[in-house]
Amino acid sequence: MSVKASISLTESQEAYARDLVAQGHFPSLSAVLQHGLELLREQSQTKDALRELLAQRQSGAFVSLDEGKVRTEDMIARKRAERGL
């Protein structure tokens, strides 16, 4: 369902949006703005997911750089062995 809304743009924003339409990237100014809003929504969701991941990592056990290297080398060796390499 579409909802009509009145918005204000700067002259440069309008010019840019109209240029995108003129170049055939979007069928209308509305489509340009809708796409921009969807990108902002995706960006916000991505940031939220990254914040949650960082919080989980920060609350977990710390692994030193040396231990991380050992674990990584062990994992690579296991994967190679599983594949007969």
C-alpha atoms as a PDB file:
ATOM      1  CA  MET A   1       0.000   0.000   0.000  1.00  0.00           C
ATOM      2  CA  SER A   2       1.331   3.436  -0.892  1.00  0.00           C
ATOM      3  CA  VAL A   3       0.942   6.497   1.265  1.00  0.00           C
ATOM      4  CA  LYS A   4       1.286  10.016  -0.084  1.00  0.00           C
ATOM      5  CA  ALA A   5       3.615  12.263   1.877  1.00  0.00           C
ATOM      6  CA  SER A   6       4.908  15.752   1.344  1.00  0.00           C
ATOM      7  CA  ILE A   7       8.657  16.088   1.815  1.00  0.00           C
ATOM      8  CA  SER A   8      11.265  18.787   1.390  1.00  0.00           C
ATOM      9  CA  LEU A   9      14.547  18.292  -0.446  1.00  0.00           C
ATOM     10  CA  THR A  10      17.468  20.589  -0.987  1.00  0.00           C
ATOM     11  CA  GLU A  11      17.964  21.789  -4.546  1.00  0.00           C
ATOM     12  CA  SER A  12      20.993  19.533  -4.944  1.00  0.00           C
ATOM     13  CA  GLN A  13      19.094  16.497  -3.612  1.00  0.00           C
ATOM     14  CA  GLU A  14      16.247  17.111  -6.043  1.00  0.00           C
ATOM     15  CA  ALA A  15      18.664  17.621  -8.929  1.00  0.00           C
ATOM     16  CA  TYR A  16      20.473  14.402  -8.097  1.00  0.00           C
ATOM     17  CA  ALA A  17      17.222  12.427  -7.794  1.00  0.00           C
ATOM     18  CA  ARG A  18      15.912  13.832 -11.077  1.00  0.00           C
ATOM     19  CA  ASP A  19      19.217  12.988 -12.746  1.00  0.00           C
ATOM     20  CA  LEU A  20      18.903   9.366 -11.558  1.00  0.00           C
ATOM     21  CA  VAL A  21      15.427   9.231 -13.084  1.00  0.00           C
ATOM     22  CA  ALA A  22      16.612  10.882 -16.322  1.00  0.00           C
ATOM     23  CA  GLN A  23      19.424   8.320 -16.610  1.00  0.00           C
ATOM     24  CA  GLY A  24      16.859   5.537 -16.323  1.00  0.00           C
ATOM     25  CA  HIS A  25      18.051   4.209 -12.973  1.00  0.00           C
ATOM     26  CA  PHE A  26      14.610   4.740 -11.435  1.00  0.00           C
ATOM     27  CA  PRO A  27      11.142   5.226 -12.918  1.00  0.00           C
ATOM     28  CA  SER A  28      10.238   8.172 -10.654  1.00  0.00           C
ATOM     29  CA  LEU A  29      11.339  10.451  -7.847  1.00  0.00           C
ATOM     30  CA  SER A  30       9.232   8.350  -5.481  1.00  0.00           C
ATOM     31  CA  ALA A  31      11.184   5.248  -6.501  1.00  0.00           C
ATOM     32  CA  VAL A  32      14.478   7.040  -5.768  1.00  0.00           C
ATOM     33  CA  LEU A  33      13.323   7.989  -2.273  1.00  0.00           C
ATOM     34  CA  GLN A  34      11.836   4.563  -1.577  1.00  0.00           C
ATOM     35  CA  HIS A  35      15.118   2.931  -2.541  1.00  0.00           C
ATOM     36  CA  GLY A  36      17.044   5.336  -0.323  1.00  0.00           C
ATOM     37  CA  LEU A  37      14.803   4.553   2.638  1.00  0.00           C
ATOM     38  CA  GLU A  38      15.222   0.807   2.115  1.00  0.00           C
ATOM     39  CA  LEU A  39      19.000   1.242   2.062  1.00  0.00           C
ATOM     40  CA  LEU A  40      18.822   3.160   5.341  1.00  0.00           C
ATOM     41  CA  ARG A  41      16.666   0.403   6.868  1.00  0.00           C
ATOM     42  CA  GLU A  42      19.146  -2.276   5.764  1.00  0.00           C
ATOM     43  CA  GLN A  43      22.067  -0.227   7.078  1.00  0.00           C
ATOM     44  CA  SER A  44      20.363   0.197  10.437  1.00  0.00           C
ATOM     45  CA  GLN A  45      19.593  -3.517  10.701  1.00  0.00           C
ATOM     46  CA  THR A  46      23.190  -4.365   9.791  1.00  0.00           C
ATOM     47  CA  LYS A  47      24.526  -1.992  12.448  1.00  0.00           C
ATOM     48  CA  ASP A  48      22.194  -3.509  15.037  1.00  0.00           C
ATOM     49  CA  ALA A  49      23.343  -7.025  14.138  1.00  0.00           C
ATOM     50  CA  LEU A  50      26.999  -6.002  14.340  1.00  0.00           C
ATOM     51  CA  ARG A  51      26.467  -4.352  17.722  1.00  0.00           C
ATOM     52  CA  GLU A  52      24.848  -7.536  19.011  1.00  0.00           C
ATOM     53  CA  LEU A  53      27.685  -9.667  17.654  1.00  0.00           C
ATOM     54  CA  LEU A  54      30.288  -7.390  19.248  1.00  0.00           C
ATOM     55  CA  ALA A  55      28.454  -7.513  22.580  1.00  0.00           C
ATOM     56  CA  GLN A  56      28.400 -11.329  22.431  1.00  0.00           C
ATOM     57  CA  ARG A  57      32.098 -11.419  21.587  1.00  0.00           C
ATOM     58  CA  GLN A  58      32.998  -8.994  24.360  1.00  0.00           C
ATOM     59  CA  SER A  59      31.129 -11.034  26.949  1.00  0.00           C
ATOM     60  CA  GLY A  60      32.829 -14.261  25.864  1.00  0.00           C
ATOM     61  CA  ALA A  61      36.180 -15.737  26.840  1.00  0.00           C
ATOM     62  CA  PHE A  62      39.283 -13.921  25.626  1.00  0.00           C
ATOM     63  CA  VAL A  63      41.657 -15.832  23.372  1.00  0.00           C
ATOM     64  CA  SER A  64      45.201 -14.529  22.984  1.00  0.00           C
ATOM     65  CA  LEU A  65      46.674 -13.910  19.559  1.00  0.00           C
ATOM     66  CA  ASP A  66      48.992 -16.899  19.936  1.00  0.00           C
ATOM     67  CA  GLU A  67      46.129 -19.182  21.016  1.00  0.00           C
ATOM     68  CA  GLY A  68      44.041 -17.896  18.096  1.00  0.00           C
ATOM     69  CA  LYS A  69      46.837 -18.759  15.677  1.00  0.00           C
ATOM     70  CA  VAL A  70      47.180 -22.266  17.142  1.00  0.00           C
ATOM     71  CA  ARG A  71      43.413 -22.841  16.911  1.00  0.00           C
ATOM     72  CA  THR A  72      43.339 -21.585  13.332  1.00  0.00           C
ATOM     73  CA  GLU A  73      46.264 -23.783  12.286  1.00  0.00           C
ATOM     74  CA  ASP A  74      44.612 -26.792  13.959  1.00  0.00           C
ATOM     75  CA  MET A  75      41.334 -26.096  12.166  1.00  0.00           C
ATOM     76  CA  ILE A  76      43.117 -25.831   8.803  1.00  0.00           C
ATOM     77  CA  ALA A  77      44.953 -29.085   9.444  1.00  0.00           C
ATOM     78  CA  ARG A  78      41.668 -30.843  10.322  1.00  0.00           C
ATOM     79  CA  LYS A  79      39.961 -29.519   7.189  1.00  0.00           C
ATOM     80  CA  ARG A  80      42.869 -30.617   5.005  1.00  0.00           C
ATOM     81  CA  ALA A  81      42.843 -34.072   6.590  1.00  0.00           C
ATOM     82  CA  GLU A  82      39.056 -34.355   6.033  1.00  0.00           C
ATOM     83  CA  ARG A  83      39.617 -33.593   2.348  1.00  0.00           C
ATOM     84  CA  GLY A  84      42.669 -35.821   1.999  1.00  0.00           C
ATOM     85  CA  LEU A  85      45.011 -32.957   1.256  1.00  0.00           C
END
